[in-house]
Amino acid sequence: MSDEIRAFKMQLKPGVVAEYRKRHDELWPELAEALRGAGIFDYSIFLDESTLTLFAVLKLKPGYPIAELPLQPVMRRWWDYMAPLMEVEADNKPRQWHLPSVFHFAG
């Protein structure tokens, strides 16, 4: 079984880029531990500054409980903390648009 890669978009609100970066620079240790516990071992978020679209890519180890991550209290607190900065669902989960893979090069 090989690692899984997931990519998706999220959307920032105007005027919050610096705060978004700051909050991620100060990522809570307990959230980092929850991400690792869910099998995430590599996670990057990129910003299109012209549209405020965030592009996220994460790599998952096989067989880990990624589906349980939204149930973690620390994840819910993070969503609440980030909700003022981005488009969110009713439960404050960031709105995500999943992106299908159309090309991959590993050389």
N, C-alpha and C. Protein backbone atom coordinates (compact mmCIF):
# COMPACT_ATOMS: atom_id res chain seq x y z
N MET A 1 0.84 -1.17 0.00
CA MET A 1 0.00 0.00 0.00
C MET A 1 0.89 1.25 0.00
N SER A 2 0.64 2.19 -0.89
CA SER A 2 1.48 3.38 -0.98
C SER A 2 0.80 4.56 -0.30
N ASP A 3 1.58 5.61 -0.08
CA ASP A 3 1.05 6.83 0.52
C ASP A 3 -0.01 7.44 -0.39
N GLU A 4 -0.94 8.14 0.21
CA GLU A 4 -2.01 8.80 -0.53
C GLU A 4 -1.74 10.31 -0.56
N ILE A 5 -2.03 10.95 -1.66
CA ILE A 5 -1.89 12.40 -1.79
C ILE A 5 -3.28 12.99 -2.01
N ARG A 6 -3.60 14.02 -1.26
CA ARG A 6 -4.87 14.72 -1.43
C ARG A 6 -4.59 16.19 -1.70
N ALA A 7 -5.34 16.77 -2.60
CA ALA A 7 -5.21 18.19 -2.91
C ALA A 7 -6.59 18.83 -2.89
N PHE A 8 -6.65 20.05 -2.41
CA PHE A 8 -7.92 20.76 -2.36
C PHE A 8 -7.67 22.27 -2.28
N LYS A 9 -8.72 23.02 -2.56
CA LYS A 9 -8.68 24.48 -2.48
C LYS A 9 -9.50 24.93 -1.27
N MET A 10 -9.12 26.08 -0.73
CA MET A 10 -9.90 26.78 0.29
C MET A 10 -9.87 28.25 -0.09
N GLN A 11 -10.66 29.07 0.58
CA GLN A 11 -10.76 30.47 0.20
C GLN A 11 -10.60 31.40 1.41
N LEU A 12 -9.63 32.30 1.32
CA LEU A 12 -9.44 33.31 2.36
C LEU A 12 -10.37 34.49 2.13
N LYS A 13 -10.64 35.21 3.20
CA LYS A 13 -11.36 36.47 3.11
C LYS A 13 -10.35 37.59 2.85
N PRO A 14 -10.78 38.69 2.27
CA PRO A 14 -9.86 39.80 2.01
C PRO A 14 -9.24 40.37 3.28
N GLY A 15 -7.97 40.77 3.18
CA GLY A 15 -7.30 41.47 4.26
C GLY A 15 -6.77 40.63 5.40
N VAL A 16 -6.73 39.30 5.24
CA VAL A 16 -6.33 38.44 6.36
C VAL A 16 -5.09 37.58 6.08
N VAL A 17 -4.41 37.83 4.98
CA VAL A 17 -3.28 36.97 4.61
C VAL A 17 -2.22 36.95 5.70
N ALA A 18 -1.83 38.11 6.21
CA ALA A 18 -0.78 38.15 7.23
C ALA A 18 -1.20 37.38 8.48
N GLU A 19 -2.44 37.54 8.90
CA GLU A 19 -2.92 36.82 10.09
C GLU A 19 -2.98 35.32 9.84
N TYR A 20 -3.41 34.93 8.65
CA TYR A 20 -3.46 33.50 8.30
C TYR A 20 -2.06 32.89 8.40
N ARG A 21 -1.07 33.58 7.83
CA ARG A 21 0.32 33.09 7.91
C ARG A 21 0.79 33.01 9.35
N LYS A 22 0.51 34.06 10.12
CA LYS A 22 0.94 34.10 11.52
C LYS A 22 0.38 32.92 12.31
N ARG A 23 -0.90 32.66 12.14
CA ARG A 23 -1.52 31.57 12.90
C ARG A 23 -0.92 30.21 12.51
N HIS A 24 -0.58 30.04 11.25
CA HIS A 24 0.04 28.78 10.85
C HIS A 24 1.50 28.70 11.28
N ASP A 25 2.18 29.84 11.33
CA ASP A 25 3.55 29.85 11.85
C ASP A 25 3.58 29.46 13.32
N GLU A 26 2.48 29.70 14.01
CA GLU A 26 2.36 29.39 15.44
C GLU A 26 1.46 28.17 15.67
N LEU A 27 1.51 27.21 14.75
CA LEU A 27 0.66 26.02 14.83
C LEU A 27 0.76 25.38 16.21
N TRP A 28 -0.37 25.08 16.79
CA TRP A 28 -0.41 24.49 18.12
C TRP A 28 0.24 23.10 18.10
N PRO A 29 1.09 22.81 19.07
CA PRO A 29 1.72 21.48 19.12
C PRO A 29 0.71 20.34 19.18
N GLU A 30 -0.39 20.54 19.90
CA GLU A 30 -1.39 19.47 20.01
C GLU A 30 -2.11 19.25 18.67
N LEU A 31 -2.23 20.29 17.86
CA LEU A 31 -2.81 20.11 16.52
C LEU A 31 -1.83 19.36 15.63
N ALA A 32 -0.56 19.71 15.69
CA ALA A 32 0.46 18.99 14.92
C ALA A 32 0.45 17.51 15.28
N GLU A 33 0.29 17.21 16.55
CA GLU A 33 0.24 15.81 16.99
C GLU A 33 -1.00 15.11 16.45
N ALA A 34 -2.14 15.79 16.44
CA ALA A 34 -3.37 15.21 15.90
C ALA A 34 -3.23 14.94 14.40
N LEU A 35 -2.59 15.86 13.67
CA LEU A 35 -2.37 15.65 12.23
C LEU A 35 -1.49 14.42 12.01
N ARG A 36 -0.40 14.33 12.77
CA ARG A 36 0.48 13.15 12.66
C ARG A 36 -0.28 11.87 13.01
N GLY A 37 -1.09 11.93 14.06
CA GLY A 37 -1.87 10.76 14.48
C GLY A 37 -2.88 10.31 13.45
N ALA A 38 -3.30 11.23 12.59
CA ALA A 38 -4.25 10.90 11.52
C ALA A 38 -3.53 10.39 10.27
N GLY A 39 -2.20 10.32 10.33
CA GLY A 39 -1.43 9.80 9.20
C GLY A 39 -0.87 10.86 8.27
N ILE A 40 -1.07 12.13 8.57
CA ILE A 40 -0.54 13.20 7.72
C ILE A 40 0.94 13.38 8.06
N PHE A 41 1.79 13.20 7.07
CA PHE A 41 3.22 13.37 7.31
C PHE A 41 3.84 14.48 6.48
N ASP A 42 3.07 15.07 5.60
CA ASP A 42 3.57 16.16 4.76
C ASP A 42 2.34 16.97 4.36
N TYR A 43 2.33 18.27 4.67
CA TYR A 43 1.16 19.11 4.42
C TYR A 43 1.65 20.50 4.05
N SER A 44 1.29 20.96 2.88
CA SER A 44 1.66 22.29 2.42
C SER A 44 0.42 23.03 1.95
N ILE A 45 0.41 24.35 2.20
CA ILE A 45 -0.66 25.21 1.73
C ILE A 45 -0.01 26.36 0.96
N PHE A 46 -0.49 26.60 -0.25
CA PHE A 46 0.02 27.66 -1.10
C PHE A 46 -1.08 28.69 -1.31
N LEU A 47 -0.69 29.94 -1.58
CA LEU A 47 -1.64 31.03 -1.74
C LEU A 47 -1.53 31.64 -3.13
N ASP A 48 -2.67 31.77 -3.80
CA ASP A 48 -2.76 32.57 -5.01
C ASP A 48 -3.17 33.97 -4.54
N GLU A 49 -2.22 34.88 -4.48
CA GLU A 49 -2.48 36.20 -3.92
C GLU A 49 -3.48 37.02 -4.73
N SER A 50 -3.62 36.73 -6.02
CA SER A 50 -4.55 37.50 -6.83
C SER A 50 -6.01 37.13 -6.57
N THR A 51 -6.27 35.91 -6.09
CA THR A 51 -7.64 35.46 -5.85
C THR A 51 -7.92 35.10 -4.39
N LEU A 52 -6.87 35.07 -3.58
CA LEU A 52 -6.94 34.63 -2.17
C LEU A 52 -7.35 33.16 -2.05
N THR A 53 -7.12 32.42 -3.12
CA THR A 53 -7.39 30.98 -3.10
C THR A 53 -6.19 30.27 -2.47
N LEU A 54 -6.48 29.37 -1.55
CA LEU A 54 -5.45 28.53 -0.94
C LEU A 54 -5.47 27.19 -1.65
N PHE A 55 -4.29 26.66 -1.92
CA PHE A 55 -4.15 25.35 -2.55
C PHE A 55 -3.39 24.47 -1.58
N ALA A 56 -4.01 23.41 -1.12
CA ALA A 56 -3.41 22.54 -0.11
C ALA A 56 -3.11 21.16 -0.70
N VAL A 57 -1.97 20.62 -0.29
CA VAL A 57 -1.58 19.27 -0.67
C VAL A 57 -1.12 18.57 0.60
N LEU A 58 -1.69 17.39 0.85
CA LEU A 58 -1.22 16.63 2.00
C LEU A 58 -0.96 15.20 1.60
N LYS A 59 0.00 14.60 2.29
CA LYS A 59 0.37 13.21 2.06
C LYS A 59 0.03 12.41 3.31
N LEU A 60 -0.62 11.27 3.07
CA LEU A 60 -1.10 10.41 4.15
C LEU A 60 -0.42 9.06 4.12
N LYS A 61 -0.11 8.57 5.29
CA LYS A 61 0.36 7.19 5.41
C LYS A 61 -0.87 6.28 5.30
N PRO A 62 -0.73 5.13 4.66
CA PRO A 62 -1.88 4.23 4.53
C PRO A 62 -2.28 3.64 5.88
N GLY A 63 -3.57 3.42 6.03
CA GLY A 63 -4.08 2.73 7.21
C GLY A 63 -4.27 3.59 8.44
N TYR A 64 -4.12 4.90 8.33
CA TYR A 64 -4.30 5.78 9.48
C TYR A 64 -5.72 6.35 9.48
N PRO A 65 -6.21 6.79 10.65
CA PRO A 65 -7.62 7.22 10.78
C PRO A 65 -7.88 8.68 10.40
N ILE A 66 -7.59 9.07 9.18
CA ILE A 66 -7.80 10.45 8.75
C ILE A 66 -9.26 10.87 8.92
N ALA A 67 -10.19 9.95 8.75
CA ALA A 67 -11.62 10.28 8.87
C ALA A 67 -11.99 10.70 10.29
N GLU A 68 -11.19 10.33 11.27
CA GLU A 68 -11.48 10.69 12.65
C GLU A 68 -10.96 12.07 13.03
N LEU A 69 -10.13 12.66 12.19
CA LEU A 69 -9.53 13.96 12.51
C LEU A 69 -10.58 15.04 12.80
N PRO A 70 -11.65 15.16 12.01
CA PRO A 70 -12.66 16.20 12.32
C PRO A 70 -13.37 16.01 13.66
N LEU A 71 -13.25 14.83 14.25
CA LEU A 71 -13.88 14.56 15.55
C LEU A 71 -12.99 14.97 16.72
N GLN A 72 -11.74 15.28 16.44
CA GLN A 72 -10.80 15.65 17.50
C GLN A 72 -11.12 17.05 18.03
N PRO A 73 -11.23 17.21 19.35
CA PRO A 73 -11.52 18.54 19.91
C PRO A 73 -10.53 19.62 19.46
N VAL A 74 -9.26 19.28 19.33
CA VAL A 74 -8.28 20.28 18.91
C VAL A 74 -8.53 20.73 17.47
N MET A 75 -9.02 19.82 16.63
CA MET A 75 -9.33 20.20 15.25
C MET A 75 -10.51 21.15 15.23
N ARG A 76 -11.51 20.87 16.05
CA ARG A 76 -12.69 21.74 16.12
C ARG A 76 -12.29 23.12 16.64
N ARG A 77 -11.40 23.20 17.64
CA ARG A 77 -10.94 24.49 18.16
C ARG A 77 -10.18 25.27 17.09
N TRP A 78 -9.36 24.55 16.29
CA TRP A 78 -8.62 25.20 15.22
C TRP A 78 -9.57 25.79 14.18
N TRP A 79 -10.59 25.02 13.81
CA TRP A 79 -11.57 25.53 12.85
C TRP A 79 -12.23 26.79 13.38
N ASP A 80 -12.63 26.78 14.64
CA ASP A 80 -13.26 27.96 15.24
C ASP A 80 -12.30 29.15 15.22
N TYR A 81 -11.04 28.89 15.51
CA TYR A 81 -9.99 29.92 15.53
C TYR A 81 -9.77 30.51 14.15
N MET A 82 -9.84 29.69 13.11
CA MET A 82 -9.56 30.13 11.74
C MET A 82 -10.80 30.65 11.01
N ALA A 83 -11.99 30.36 11.51
CA ALA A 83 -13.24 30.71 10.81
C ALA A 83 -13.35 32.18 10.42
N PRO A 84 -12.91 33.12 11.23
CA PRO A 84 -13.04 34.52 10.81
C PRO A 84 -12.19 34.89 9.59
N LEU A 85 -11.23 34.04 9.24
CA LEU A 85 -10.30 34.35 8.16
C LEU A 85 -10.66 33.75 6.82
N MET A 86 -11.59 32.80 6.79
CA MET A 86 -11.82 32.07 5.55
C MET A 86 -13.28 31.66 5.39
N GLU A 87 -13.62 31.21 4.19
CA GLU A 87 -14.96 30.69 3.96
C GLU A 87 -15.08 29.34 4.68
N VAL A 88 -16.17 29.17 5.42
CA VAL A 88 -16.36 27.97 6.23
C VAL A 88 -17.77 27.40 6.06
N GLU A 89 -17.92 26.15 6.46
CA GLU A 89 -19.22 25.49 6.52
C GLU A 89 -19.92 25.90 7.83
N ALA A 90 -21.13 25.43 8.05
CA ALA A 90 -21.90 25.80 9.25
C ALA A 90 -21.19 25.41 10.55
N ASP A 91 -20.38 24.34 10.51
CA ASP A 91 -19.67 23.89 11.71
C ASP A 91 -18.26 24.49 11.82
N ASN A 92 -17.97 25.50 11.01
CA ASN A 92 -16.69 26.20 10.94
C ASN A 92 -15.58 25.41 10.25
N LYS A 93 -15.88 24.25 9.72
CA LYS A 93 -14.89 23.54 8.90
C LYS A 93 -14.62 24.39 7.66
N PRO A 94 -13.36 24.59 7.30
CA PRO A 94 -13.09 25.35 6.09
C PRO A 94 -13.78 24.72 4.87
N ARG A 95 -14.39 25.55 4.04
CA ARG A 95 -14.95 25.04 2.78
C ARG A 95 -13.79 24.52 1.96
N GLN A 96 -13.95 23.32 1.44
CA GLN A 96 -12.90 22.69 0.65
C GLN A 96 -13.47 22.23 -0.68
N TRP A 97 -12.69 22.47 -1.71
CA TRP A 97 -13.02 21.97 -3.03
C TRP A 97 -11.91 20.99 -3.39
N HIS A 98 -12.24 19.71 -3.43
CA HIS A 98 -11.24 18.69 -3.73
C HIS A 98 -10.83 18.75 -5.19
N LEU A 99 -9.57 18.53 -5.43
CA LEU A 99 -9.01 18.62 -6.77
C LEU A 99 -8.53 17.25 -7.22
N PRO A 100 -9.04 16.74 -8.32
CA PRO A 100 -8.59 15.43 -8.80
C PRO A 100 -7.20 15.54 -9.44
N SER A 101 -6.45 14.50 -9.31
CA SER A 101 -5.13 14.45 -9.92
C SER A 101 -5.28 14.24 -11.43
N VAL A 102 -4.52 15.02 -12.20
CA VAL A 102 -4.50 14.85 -13.64
C VAL A 102 -3.10 14.54 -14.16
N PHE A 103 -2.09 14.69 -13.29
CA PHE A 103 -0.72 14.38 -13.70
C PHE A 103 0.14 14.24 -12.45
N HIS A 104 1.05 13.28 -12.48
CA HIS A 104 2.01 13.11 -11.40
C HIS A 104 3.31 12.62 -12.00
N PHE A 105 4.38 13.27 -11.63
CA PHE A 105 5.72 12.84 -12.06
C PHE A 105 6.53 12.53 -10.82
N ALA A 106 7.07 11.36 -10.75
CA ALA A 106 7.97 10.98 -9.65
C ALA A 106 9.22 10.40 -10.29
N GLY A 107 10.26 11.15 -10.25
CA GLY A 107 11.47 10.69 -10.92
C GLY A 107 12.60 10.76 -10.03
